[in-house]
Amino acid sequence: MSARLTYLRCSSTLRPTLGCLLGPELRRVGSGKRMTFGKAGEATLSQWMADSAEVCWIEQSEPWDMESQLISQLDIPLHLDQNRHNTFHSRLEELWTQARHRARELPIGA
């Protein structure tokens, strides 16, 4: 796998951000460090994305450079990193924090 694809897979926050907004409960799984929305929540999220989301991409050798440019030039409300200037940032960050806090209080799932 190329470094470019690894970056996209490992650092994308779109799916967890949508999950926090759409409502499935975030849970700790495995050793307790990883968090997902569980089987039912992930299935619901996948179906919503299939029905409602469109994603496109451009291959870049250093995607973090393009990311910074896009965030500074466009209104990207669902992106937290480097995006404090967005008016939705503080609310989205609050939702993320609440979801992680709730997940840490729950028992670790399968």
C-alpha atoms as a PDB file:
ATOM      1  CA  MET A   1       0.000   0.000   0.000  1.00  0.00           C
ATOM      2  CA  SER A   2       1.375   3.411  -0.875  1.00  0.00           C
ATOM      3  CA  ALA A   3       2.029   6.110   1.718  1.00  0.00           C
ATOM      4  CA  ARG A   4      -0.647   8.205   0.045  1.00  0.00           C
ATOM      5  CA  LEU A   5      -3.348   5.553   0.559  1.00  0.00           C
ATOM      6  CA  THR A   6      -2.210   4.868   4.101  1.00  0.00           C
ATOM      7  CA  TYR A   7      -2.600   8.563   4.881  1.00  0.00           C
ATOM      8  CA  LEU A   8      -6.127   8.648   3.495  1.00  0.00           C
ATOM      9  CA  ARG A   9      -7.219   5.560   5.376  1.00  0.00           C
ATOM     10  CA  CYS A  10      -5.600   6.330   8.705  1.00  0.00           C
ATOM     11  CA  SER A  11      -6.356   9.985   9.098  1.00  0.00           C
ATOM     12  CA  SER A  12      -9.777  10.438   7.561  1.00  0.00           C
ATOM     13  CA  THR A  13     -12.309  11.674  10.079  1.00  0.00           C
ATOM     14  CA  LEU A  14     -15.292  11.813   7.723  1.00  0.00           C
ATOM     15  CA  ARG A  15     -16.872   8.532   8.821  1.00  0.00           C
ATOM     16  CA  PRO A  16     -16.553   9.071  12.585  1.00  0.00           C
ATOM     17  CA  THR A  17     -17.663  12.678  12.199  1.00  0.00           C
ATOM     18  CA  LEU A  18     -20.790  11.620  10.328  1.00  0.00           C
ATOM     19  CA  GLY A  19     -21.432   8.967  12.963  1.00  0.00           C
ATOM     20  CA  CYS A  20     -21.241  11.542  15.755  1.00  0.00           C
ATOM     21  CA  LEU A  21     -23.710  13.740  13.883  1.00  0.00           C
ATOM     22  CA  LEU A  22     -26.115  10.965  12.882  1.00  0.00           C
ATOM     23  CA  GLY A  23     -26.337   9.397  16.309  1.00  0.00           C
ATOM     24  CA  PRO A  24     -25.007   5.834  16.515  1.00  0.00           C
ATOM     25  CA  GLU A  25     -23.313   5.264  19.847  1.00  0.00           C
ATOM     26  CA  LEU A  26     -19.525   5.290  19.779  1.00  0.00           C
ATOM     27  CA  ARG A  27     -18.030   2.287  21.630  1.00  0.00           C
ATOM     28  CA  ARG A  28     -14.578   1.080  22.596  1.00  0.00           C
ATOM     29  CA  VAL A  29     -13.646  -2.238  21.010  1.00  0.00           C
ATOM     30  CA  GLY A  30     -10.753  -4.702  21.110  1.00  0.00           C
ATOM     31  CA  SER A  31      -8.171  -3.588  23.664  1.00  0.00           C
ATOM     32  CA  GLY A  32     -10.298  -0.513  24.398  1.00  0.00           C
ATOM     33  CA  LYS A  33      -8.151   1.986  22.512  1.00  0.00           C
ATOM     34  CA  ARG A  34     -10.051   1.729  19.210  1.00  0.00           C
ATOM     35  CA  MET A  35     -13.570   3.156  18.909  1.00  0.00           C
ATOM     36  CA  THR A  36     -16.316   2.289  16.418  1.00  0.00           C
ATOM     37  CA  PHE A  37     -20.085   2.551  16.255  1.00  0.00           C
ATOM     38  CA  GLY A  38     -20.525  -1.203  16.716  1.00  0.00           C
ATOM     39  CA  LYS A  39     -21.888  -3.580  14.096  1.00  0.00           C
ATOM     40  CA  ALA A  40     -25.385  -2.068  13.951  1.00  0.00           C
ATOM     41  CA  GLY A  41     -24.159   1.532  14.062  1.00  0.00           C
ATOM     42  CA  GLU A  42     -21.494   0.915  11.415  1.00  0.00           C
ATOM     43  CA  ALA A  43     -24.083  -0.771   9.169  1.00  0.00           C
ATOM     44  CA  THR A  44     -26.471   2.166   9.613  1.00  0.00           C
ATOM     45  CA  LEU A  45     -23.677   4.615   8.882  1.00  0.00           C
ATOM     46  CA  SER A  46     -22.578   2.652   5.791  1.00  0.00           C
ATOM     47  CA  GLN A  47     -26.131   2.631   4.459  1.00  0.00           C
ATOM     48  CA  TRP A  48     -26.560   6.364   5.067  1.00  0.00           C
ATOM     49  CA  MET A  49     -23.276   7.065   3.279  1.00  0.00           C
ATOM     50  CA  ALA A  50     -24.252   4.823   0.353  1.00  0.00           C
ATOM     51  CA  ASP A  51     -27.587   6.644   0.047  1.00  0.00           C
ATOM     52  CA  SER A  52     -26.461  10.194   0.787  1.00  0.00           C
ATOM     53  CA  ALA A  53     -22.739  10.802   0.388  1.00  0.00           C
ATOM     54  CA  GLU A  54     -20.535  11.362  -2.603  1.00  0.00           C
ATOM     55  CA  VAL A  55     -16.790  11.247  -2.203  1.00  0.00           C
ATOM     56  CA  CYS A  56     -14.125  12.042  -4.748  1.00  0.00           C
ATOM     57  CA  TRP A  57     -10.375  12.182  -4.527  1.00  0.00           C
ATOM     58  CA  ILE A  58      -7.267  13.338  -6.263  1.00  0.00           C
ATOM     59  CA  GLU A  59      -4.082  11.329  -5.982  1.00  0.00           C
ATOM     60  CA  GLN A  60      -1.283  13.392  -4.465  1.00  0.00           C
ATOM     61  CA  SER A  61       2.190  12.383  -3.366  1.00  0.00           C
ATOM     62  CA  GLU A  62       1.876  14.696  -0.334  1.00  0.00           C
ATOM     63  CA  PRO A  63      -1.883  15.014   0.365  1.00  0.00           C
ATOM     64  CA  TRP A  64      -1.339  16.936   3.605  1.00  0.00           C
ATOM     65  CA  ASP A  65      -0.194  19.940   1.555  1.00  0.00           C
ATOM     66  CA  MET A  66      -3.354  19.972  -0.527  1.00  0.00           C
ATOM     67  CA  GLU A  67      -5.424  19.424   2.607  1.00  0.00           C
ATOM     68  CA  SER A  68      -4.046  22.596   4.191  1.00  0.00           C
ATOM     69  CA  GLN A  69      -4.728  24.614   1.048  1.00  0.00           C
ATOM     70  CA  LEU A  70      -8.296  23.350   0.715  1.00  0.00           C
ATOM     71  CA  ILE A  71      -9.128  23.937   4.362  1.00  0.00           C
ATOM     72  CA  SER A  72      -7.838  27.509   4.199  1.00  0.00           C
ATOM     73  CA  GLN A  73      -9.776  28.282   0.999  1.00  0.00           C
ATOM     74  CA  LEU A  74     -13.050  26.359   1.340  1.00  0.00           C
ATOM     75  CA  ASP A  75     -15.858  26.023   3.862  1.00  0.00           C
ATOM     76  CA  ILE A  76     -15.412  22.427   5.079  1.00  0.00           C
ATOM     77  CA  PRO A  77     -17.582  22.186   8.208  1.00  0.00           C
ATOM     78  CA  LEU A  78     -17.054  18.466   8.893  1.00  0.00           C
ATOM     79  CA  HIS A  79     -13.268  18.676   9.146  1.00  0.00           C
ATOM     80  CA  LEU A  80     -11.706  19.462  12.535  1.00  0.00           C
ATOM     81  CA  ASP A  81      -7.964  19.520  11.891  1.00  0.00           C
ATOM     82  CA  GLN A  82      -6.640  22.986  10.912  1.00  0.00           C
ATOM     83  CA  ASN A  83     -10.215  24.264  10.730  1.00  0.00           C
ATOM     84  CA  ARG A  84     -10.790  26.339  13.873  1.00  0.00           C
ATOM     85  CA  HIS A  85     -11.894  29.275  11.683  1.00  0.00           C
ATOM     86  CA  ASN A  86     -15.033  27.363  10.642  1.00  0.00           C
ATOM     87  CA  THR A  87     -18.153  28.429  12.545  1.00  0.00           C
ATOM     88  CA  PHE A  88     -19.217  24.784  13.113  1.00  0.00           C
ATOM     89  CA  HIS A  89     -15.809  23.740  14.492  1.00  0.00           C
ATOM     90  CA  SER A  90     -16.533  24.282  18.194  1.00  0.00           C
ATOM     91  CA  ARG A  91     -19.890  22.468  18.019  1.00  0.00           C
ATOM     92  CA  LEU A  92     -18.418  19.545  16.110  1.00  0.00           C
ATOM     93  CA  GLU A  93     -15.487  19.336  18.510  1.00  0.00           C
ATOM     94  CA  GLU A  94     -17.964  19.293  21.396  1.00  0.00           C
ATOM     95  CA  LEU A  95     -19.923  16.430  19.792  1.00  0.00           C
ATOM     96  CA  TRP A  96     -16.695  14.455  19.281  1.00  0.00           C
ATOM     97  CA  THR A  97     -15.650  15.038  22.890  1.00  0.00           C
ATOM     98  CA  GLN A  98     -19.051  13.964  24.238  1.00  0.00           C
ATOM     99  CA  ALA A  99     -19.098  10.805  22.092  1.00  0.00           C
ATOM    100  CA  ARG A 100     -15.586   9.792  23.195  1.00  0.00           C
ATOM    101  CA  HIS A 101     -16.387  10.531  26.830  1.00  0.00           C
ATOM    102  CA  ARG A 102     -19.554   8.390  26.694  1.00  0.00           C
ATOM    103  CA  ALA A 103     -17.650   5.583  24.961  1.00  0.00           C
ATOM    104  CA  ARG A 104     -15.005   5.562  27.716  1.00  0.00           C
ATOM    105  CA  GLU A 105     -17.717   5.166  30.354  1.00  0.00           C
ATOM    106  CA  LEU A 106     -19.230   2.113  28.642  1.00  0.00           C
ATOM    107  CA  PRO A 107     -17.820  -1.417  28.850  1.00  0.00           C
ATOM    108  CA  ILE A 108     -15.553  -2.489  25.986  1.00  0.00           C
ATOM    109  CA  GLY A 109     -17.578  -4.206  23.252  1.00  0.00           C
ATOM    110  CA  ALA A 110     -16.711  -7.004  20.884  1.00  0.00           C
END
